[in-house]
Amino acid sequence: MKRSIFYLLLLTINIFSCEEQYLPSIPETTPQYVVEGYVEAGDSNQPVIVILTKSIPYLSKVSAEVLTNSFVKGAKVSVNDQQNVVQLTEVCLNDLSDDQRKMALELIGLEGDSIGYNICVYVDIFNQVKREIGRSYDLKIDVNGEILSSTTTIPSQVPLYNLIWEEPPGAPNDTLAQLKVHIDDPGDEANFYRYFTSSNGGALIAPFSSVTDDVFFNGQSFEFPLSKAESRDGDFDPDTFGLFMRGDSVTVKWCTIDKAHFDFWNTRDNAANNNGPFSSYTRIASNIQGGQGIWGGYAVNLYHFIVPPK
């Protein structure tokens, strides 16, 4: 019996001593064009913006040079607002002044004035697109004769009301507060929502799960907690997660969106939040013909306030 165990041990050692390191190959694939573009109406004064990039292989090494080269330059990007066709202007961060760079980064939801690589976007810098509730908008992108297209709508606004501050659950706390809001959800159709928050003049960012539909509260007056959005790059603190700091200046950007826009962010958020080796694969929905990504409309309600002291 001991000899059998000894031989088994030798066999195991030989197997592992002969094992070679496995390095998965990176399959050669044709890069796809990826679109992220928005048109906003309501309380927003943000111009139409479109970001156009090329996809990067999943297992490739990412560097500042790779990210810079992923932005597609020289494309012809136009938006049809059903009255006029407006050509968007290409703008790159490296062509801007320091103040302009900071404003441009805040426009696309990034904080700071330097990110280490050059971002190029297409913008309606003269605000020629008529941004109105209820309109539809056609996007057309021509990249060396290759055409990408999409259509989105800006639905009716469904505002928040009766914003109240409460003690966070758990032990009494003098520095943190929980925000609760109310909404009157229309009952004649399905509605879809997305929101962002910012504190003390920072960039508006979306929470980890940024969208919801009204499947559980269709046609109801509904109260729910609205969590503060946290940066994915920050340290996670379960004691403060989703709570607002008393005394802070806060902005909430509450948006109604159409179903295609909701489907994109719902699948994208699920994919981003499914971490770990045993997580399931999520195919991200897209409304871009000829590419991937999202062309989405936002009906925006903005709320500005100071979180009151206890």
Protein backbone atom coordinates (compact mmCIF):
# COMPACT_ATOMS: atom_id res chain seq x y z
CA MET A 1 0.00 0.00 0.00
CA LYS A 2 2.80 2.41 0.88
CA ARG A 3 4.57 1.58 -2.41
CA SER A 4 1.36 2.38 -4.36
CA ILE A 5 1.10 5.75 -2.66
CA PHE A 6 4.80 6.40 -3.39
CA TYR A 7 4.36 5.63 -7.12
CA LEU A 8 1.23 7.80 -7.27
CA LEU A 9 3.18 10.66 -5.72
CA LEU A 10 5.99 10.28 -8.27
CA LEU A 11 3.49 10.23 -11.13
CA THR A 12 1.85 13.43 -9.86
CA ILE A 13 5.23 15.17 -9.57
CA ASN A 14 6.17 14.15 -13.13
CA ILE A 15 2.88 15.40 -14.53
CA PHE A 16 3.20 18.85 -12.93
CA SER A 17 6.93 19.14 -13.69
CA CYS A 18 6.17 18.66 -17.39
CA GLU A 19 3.26 21.13 -17.43
CA GLU A 20 3.86 24.19 -19.59
CA GLN A 21 2.41 27.63 -18.94
CA TYR A 22 -0.74 28.18 -20.97
CA LEU A 23 -0.94 31.52 -22.75
CA PRO A 24 -4.23 31.91 -24.61
CA SER A 25 -3.90 33.21 -28.13
CA ILE A 26 -5.59 36.45 -29.09
CA PRO A 27 -7.82 35.73 -32.07
CA GLU A 28 -7.49 38.08 -35.00
CA THR A 29 -10.79 39.89 -35.44
CA THR A 30 -11.86 42.86 -37.50
CA PRO A 31 -12.36 45.88 -35.21
CA GLN A 32 -15.93 47.12 -34.99
CA TYR A 33 -17.02 50.72 -34.81
CA VAL A 34 -18.49 51.64 -31.43
CA VAL A 35 -20.81 54.63 -31.00
CA GLU A 36 -21.79 56.50 -27.83
CA GLY A 37 -24.01 59.47 -28.65
CA TYR A 38 -26.71 61.52 -26.94
CA VAL A 39 -29.29 64.20 -27.62
CA GLU A 40 -30.88 65.88 -24.60
CA ALA A 41 -33.90 68.13 -24.02
CA GLY A 42 -35.68 69.59 -21.01
CA ASP A 43 -33.52 71.17 -18.30
CA SER A 44 -30.29 70.22 -20.07
CA ASN A 45 -28.23 72.66 -22.14
CA GLN A 46 -25.75 69.99 -23.25
CA PRO A 47 -25.18 69.98 -27.01
CA VAL A 48 -25.48 66.82 -29.08
CA ILE A 49 -22.33 64.74 -28.72
CA VAL A 50 -21.13 61.55 -30.43
CA ILE A 51 -18.06 59.50 -29.50
CA LEU A 52 -16.80 57.14 -32.20
CA THR A 53 -14.17 54.50 -31.46
CA LYS A 54 -12.88 51.18 -32.76
CA SER A 55 -13.18 48.09 -30.59
CA ILE A 56 -10.09 46.61 -28.91
CA PRO A 57 -9.54 42.82 -28.61
CA TYR A 58 -10.60 41.59 -25.17
CA LEU A 59 -7.23 40.07 -24.24
CA SER A 60 -5.06 42.84 -25.70
CA LYS A 61 -2.86 45.13 -23.60
CA VAL A 62 -4.38 48.57 -23.08
CA SER A 63 -2.14 51.65 -22.98
CA ALA A 64 -2.56 55.39 -23.45
CA GLU A 65 -1.41 54.98 -27.06
CA VAL A 66 -3.91 52.20 -27.73
CA LEU A 67 -6.75 54.26 -26.25
CA THR A 68 -5.77 57.35 -28.23
CA ASN A 69 -5.65 55.33 -31.45
CA SER A 70 -9.08 53.84 -30.78
CA PHE A 71 -10.80 57.18 -31.41
CA VAL A 72 -11.92 57.51 -35.01
CA LYS A 73 -11.06 60.80 -36.68
CA GLY A 74 -12.20 62.26 -39.96
CA ALA A 75 -15.68 60.74 -39.98
CA LYS A 76 -18.71 62.60 -41.31
CA VAL A 77 -21.28 62.65 -38.50
CA SER A 78 -24.72 64.18 -39.00
CA VAL A 79 -27.98 64.38 -37.06
CA ASN A 80 -31.41 64.80 -38.67
CA ASP A 81 -33.90 66.43 -36.26
CA GLN A 82 -36.74 65.98 -38.81
CA GLN A 83 -36.36 69.62 -39.91
CA ASN A 84 -32.65 70.01 -40.60
CA VAL A 85 -29.59 67.85 -41.13
CA VAL A 86 -26.75 69.15 -38.95
CA GLN A 87 -23.11 68.18 -39.45
CA LEU A 88 -21.26 67.72 -36.14
CA THR A 89 -17.78 69.18 -35.62
CA GLU A 90 -14.81 67.01 -34.65
CA VAL A 91 -13.12 68.22 -31.45
CA CYS A 92 -10.01 66.67 -29.82
CA LEU A 93 -8.81 67.40 -26.27
CA ASN A 94 -5.24 68.09 -27.37
CA ASP A 95 -6.53 70.97 -29.51
CA LEU A 96 -8.19 72.74 -26.54
CA SER A 97 -7.01 75.11 -23.82
CA ASP A 98 -6.81 73.88 -20.23
CA ASP A 99 -10.17 75.44 -19.32
CA GLN A 100 -11.80 74.04 -22.45
CA ARG A 101 -10.38 70.58 -21.75
CA LYS A 102 -11.88 70.58 -18.26
CA MET A 103 -15.29 71.63 -19.61
CA ALA A 104 -15.13 69.00 -22.36
CA LEU A 105 -14.26 66.22 -19.89
CA GLU A 106 -17.16 67.20 -17.63
CA LEU A 107 -19.42 67.13 -20.69
CA ILE A 108 -18.64 63.44 -21.24
CA GLY A 109 -18.73 62.59 -17.53
CA LEU A 110 -15.00 62.52 -16.68
CA GLU A 111 -13.46 64.40 -13.76
CA GLY A 112 -10.18 66.31 -13.78
CA ASP A 113 -8.44 68.17 -16.60
CA SER A 114 -5.98 65.48 -17.68
CA ILE A 115 -6.54 61.78 -18.37
CA GLY A 116 -3.32 60.78 -20.12
CA TYR A 117 -4.68 60.17 -23.61
CA ASN A 118 -6.33 62.20 -26.35
CA ILE A 119 -10.12 61.99 -26.71
CA CYS A 120 -11.82 63.06 -29.94
CA VAL A 121 -15.59 63.60 -30.15
CA TYR A 122 -18.13 65.02 -32.58
CA VAL A 123 -20.20 67.92 -31.19
CA ASP A 124 -22.98 70.25 -32.30
CA ILE A 125 -20.89 73.24 -31.15
CA PHE A 126 -23.37 75.83 -32.51
CA ASN A 127 -26.47 74.12 -31.03
CA GLN A 128 -28.12 73.81 -34.43
CA VAL A 129 -30.00 70.58 -33.62
CA LYS A 130 -33.52 71.34 -32.33
CA ARG A 131 -33.58 69.51 -29.02
CA GLU A 132 -37.23 69.04 -28.02
CA ILE A 133 -39.37 66.61 -26.06
CA GLY A 134 -41.23 64.20 -28.34
CA ARG A 135 -38.90 64.48 -31.34
CA SER A 136 -37.04 61.66 -33.04
CA TYR A 137 -33.45 62.00 -34.24
CA ASP A 138 -31.62 60.13 -36.98
CA LEU A 139 -27.87 59.64 -36.67
CA LYS A 140 -25.70 58.95 -39.71
CA ILE A 141 -21.95 58.29 -39.61
CA ASP A 142 -19.83 57.93 -42.75
CA VAL A 143 -16.36 56.45 -42.14
CA ASN A 144 -14.56 56.19 -45.48
CA GLY A 145 -17.75 55.11 -47.19
CA GLU A 146 -18.83 52.71 -44.44
CA ILE A 147 -22.22 53.83 -43.07
CA LEU A 148 -23.47 53.54 -39.47
CA SER A 149 -26.97 54.72 -38.56
CA SER A 150 -29.49 54.84 -35.75
CA THR A 151 -32.68 56.53 -34.59
CA THR A 152 -33.67 57.59 -31.08
CA THR A 153 -36.50 59.52 -29.44
CA ILE A 154 -36.79 61.92 -26.52
CA PRO A 155 -39.87 60.81 -24.53
CA SER A 156 -41.99 62.96 -22.24
CA GLN A 157 -40.51 64.10 -18.94
CA VAL A 158 -41.60 62.36 -15.75
CA PRO A 159 -40.23 64.55 -12.94
CA LEU A 160 -39.36 63.75 -9.37
CA TYR A 161 -41.07 65.60 -6.52
CA ASN A 162 -41.13 65.78 -2.73
CA LEU A 163 -37.39 65.20 -2.30
CA ILE A 164 -36.76 64.55 1.38
CA TRP A 165 -33.70 63.79 3.50
CA GLU A 166 -33.76 61.08 6.15
CA GLU A 167 -31.48 59.44 8.65
CA PRO A 168 -29.59 56.59 7.00
CA PRO A 169 -30.48 53.12 8.28
CA GLY A 170 -28.44 51.79 11.18
CA ALA A 171 -26.71 53.70 13.94
CA PRO A 172 -27.40 57.47 14.29
CA ASN A 173 -25.14 59.53 12.04
CA ASP A 174 -24.54 63.29 12.06
CA THR A 175 -22.66 63.51 8.76
CA LEU A 176 -24.61 61.32 6.29
CA ALA A 177 -28.13 61.47 4.86
CA GLN A 178 -30.32 59.33 2.63
CA LEU A 179 -32.33 60.90 -0.18
CA LYS A 180 -35.88 59.75 -0.85
CA VAL A 181 -37.96 60.92 -3.80
CA HIS A 182 -41.44 60.51 -5.23
CA ILE A 183 -42.63 59.95 -8.79
CA ASP A 184 -46.05 59.79 -10.47
CA ASP A 185 -45.50 57.15 -13.13
CA PRO A 186 -47.84 57.44 -16.14
CA GLY A 187 -50.00 54.35 -16.54
CA ASP A 188 -50.78 54.55 -20.25
CA GLU A 189 -47.39 53.25 -21.46
CA ALA A 190 -44.15 51.64 -20.33
CA ASN A 191 -41.62 54.14 -18.99
CA PHE A 192 -37.87 53.93 -18.57
CA TYR A 193 -35.56 56.00 -16.38
CA ARG A 194 -31.85 56.74 -15.84
CA TYR A 195 -30.15 59.10 -13.41
CA PHE A 196 -26.84 60.71 -12.45
CA THR A 197 -25.57 62.60 -9.40
CA SER A 198 -22.71 64.95 -8.63
CA SER A 199 -21.37 66.54 -5.46
CA ASN A 200 -19.69 69.91 -4.98
CA GLY A 201 -19.48 70.75 -8.66
CA GLY A 202 -17.95 67.45 -9.78
CA ALA A 203 -18.87 65.60 -12.95
CA LEU A 204 -22.28 63.95 -13.14
CA ILE A 205 -21.81 60.18 -12.91
CA ALA A 206 -24.26 57.29 -13.13
CA PRO A 207 -24.61 54.70 -10.33
CA PHE A 208 -23.58 51.07 -10.79
CA SER A 209 -27.17 50.18 -11.71
CA SER A 210 -28.30 53.33 -13.46
CA VAL A 211 -31.60 52.42 -15.13
CA THR A 212 -35.00 51.09 -14.18
CA ASP A 213 -38.32 50.44 -15.87
CA ASP A 214 -41.77 50.79 -14.31
CA VAL A 215 -42.78 47.13 -14.49
CA PHE A 216 -43.40 47.03 -10.70
CA PHE A 217 -44.98 50.50 -10.29
CA ASN A 218 -46.63 51.31 -13.61
CA GLY A 219 -49.26 54.03 -13.14
CA GLN A 220 -48.51 54.43 -9.43
CA SER A 221 -47.36 57.26 -7.17
CA PHE A 222 -44.18 55.73 -5.86
CA GLU A 223 -41.58 56.62 -3.18
CA PHE A 224 -38.07 55.20 -3.34
CA PRO A 225 -34.53 55.94 -2.09
CA LEU A 226 -32.22 57.58 -4.64
CA SER A 227 -28.63 56.52 -4.01
CA LYS A 228 -25.62 58.74 -4.56
CA ALA A 229 -23.63 57.54 -7.56
CA GLU A 230 -20.17 56.24 -6.68
CA SER A 231 -17.15 56.16 -8.97
CA ARG A 232 -16.04 52.68 -10.01
CA ASP A 233 -12.45 53.85 -9.55
CA GLY A 234 -12.97 54.84 -5.91
CA ASP A 235 -12.60 52.81 -2.72
CA PHE A 236 -15.74 50.94 -1.69
CA ASP A 237 -16.97 51.85 1.80
CA PRO A 238 -20.15 49.96 2.81
CA ASP A 239 -20.82 52.47 5.61
CA THR A 240 -21.16 55.43 3.23
CA PHE A 241 -22.12 53.78 -0.06
CA GLY A 242 -25.09 55.52 -1.70
CA LEU A 243 -25.38 58.17 1.02
CA PHE A 244 -24.89 61.93 0.72
CA MET A 245 -22.64 64.02 2.94
CA ARG A 246 -24.48 66.70 4.92
CA GLY A 247 -23.49 70.19 3.82
CA ASP A 248 -22.55 69.11 0.29
CA SER A 249 -23.88 70.80 -2.82
CA VAL A 250 -25.66 68.10 -4.85
CA THR A 251 -27.07 67.85 -8.37
CA VAL A 252 -29.41 65.07 -9.47
CA LYS A 253 -29.99 64.56 -13.20
CA TRP A 254 -33.16 62.50 -13.65
CA CYS A 255 -33.92 61.32 -17.20
CA THR A 256 -36.66 59.50 -19.05
CA ILE A 257 -35.45 57.40 -21.96
CA ASP A 258 -36.91 55.11 -24.61
CA LYS A 259 -36.79 51.29 -24.52
CA ALA A 260 -33.78 50.84 -26.83
CA HIS A 261 -31.81 53.27 -24.69
CA PHE A 262 -32.89 51.42 -21.54
CA ASP A 263 -31.96 48.02 -23.02
CA PHE A 264 -28.42 49.21 -23.77
CA TRP A 265 -27.68 50.53 -20.29
CA ASN A 266 -29.51 47.68 -18.54
CA THR A 267 -27.37 45.06 -20.30
CA ARG A 268 -24.22 47.17 -20.03
CA ASP A 269 -24.69 47.68 -16.26
CA ASN A 270 -25.34 43.97 -15.78
CA ALA A 271 -22.18 43.12 -17.71
CA ALA A 272 -20.10 45.62 -15.72
CA ASN A 273 -21.47 44.39 -12.37
CA ASN A 274 -21.02 40.66 -13.14
CA ASN A 275 -17.45 40.19 -11.94
CA GLY A 276 -15.54 37.04 -11.11
CA PRO A 277 -14.59 33.86 -12.97
CA PHE A 278 -18.03 32.27 -12.55
CA SER A 279 -20.13 35.22 -13.73
CA SER A 280 -22.38 34.76 -16.72
CA TYR A 281 -21.77 36.39 -20.09
CA THR A 282 -24.06 39.29 -21.00
CA ARG A 283 -24.54 40.39 -24.59
CA ILE A 284 -24.90 44.16 -24.58
CA ALA A 285 -27.87 45.43 -26.57
CA SER A 286 -27.21 47.98 -29.32
CA ASN A 287 -29.32 50.20 -31.56
CA ILE A 288 -26.52 51.01 -34.02
CA GLN A 289 -26.88 49.61 -37.53
CA GLY A 290 -23.45 48.78 -38.96
CA GLY A 291 -21.72 48.93 -35.56
CA GLN A 292 -22.19 48.64 -31.81
CA GLY A 293 -23.15 51.04 -29.05
CA ILE A 294 -25.92 53.52 -28.33
CA TRP A 295 -27.54 56.59 -29.84
CA GLY A 296 -29.89 57.75 -27.09
CA GLY A 297 -32.26 60.54 -26.18
CA TYR A 298 -32.70 62.00 -22.69
CA ALA A 299 -35.64 64.03 -21.32
CA VAL A 300 -33.84 65.74 -18.45
CA ASN A 301 -34.97 67.11 -15.09
CA LEU A 302 -32.23 68.74 -13.00
CA TYR A 303 -32.37 69.27 -9.24
CA HIS A 304 -29.84 71.34 -7.27
CA PHE A 305 -29.74 71.51 -3.50
CA ILE A 306 -27.61 71.60 -0.36
CA VAL A 307 -27.86 68.54 1.86
CA PRO A 308 -29.23 70.02 5.14
CA PRO A 309 -27.46 69.58 8.47
CA LYS A 310 -29.02 67.19 10.92
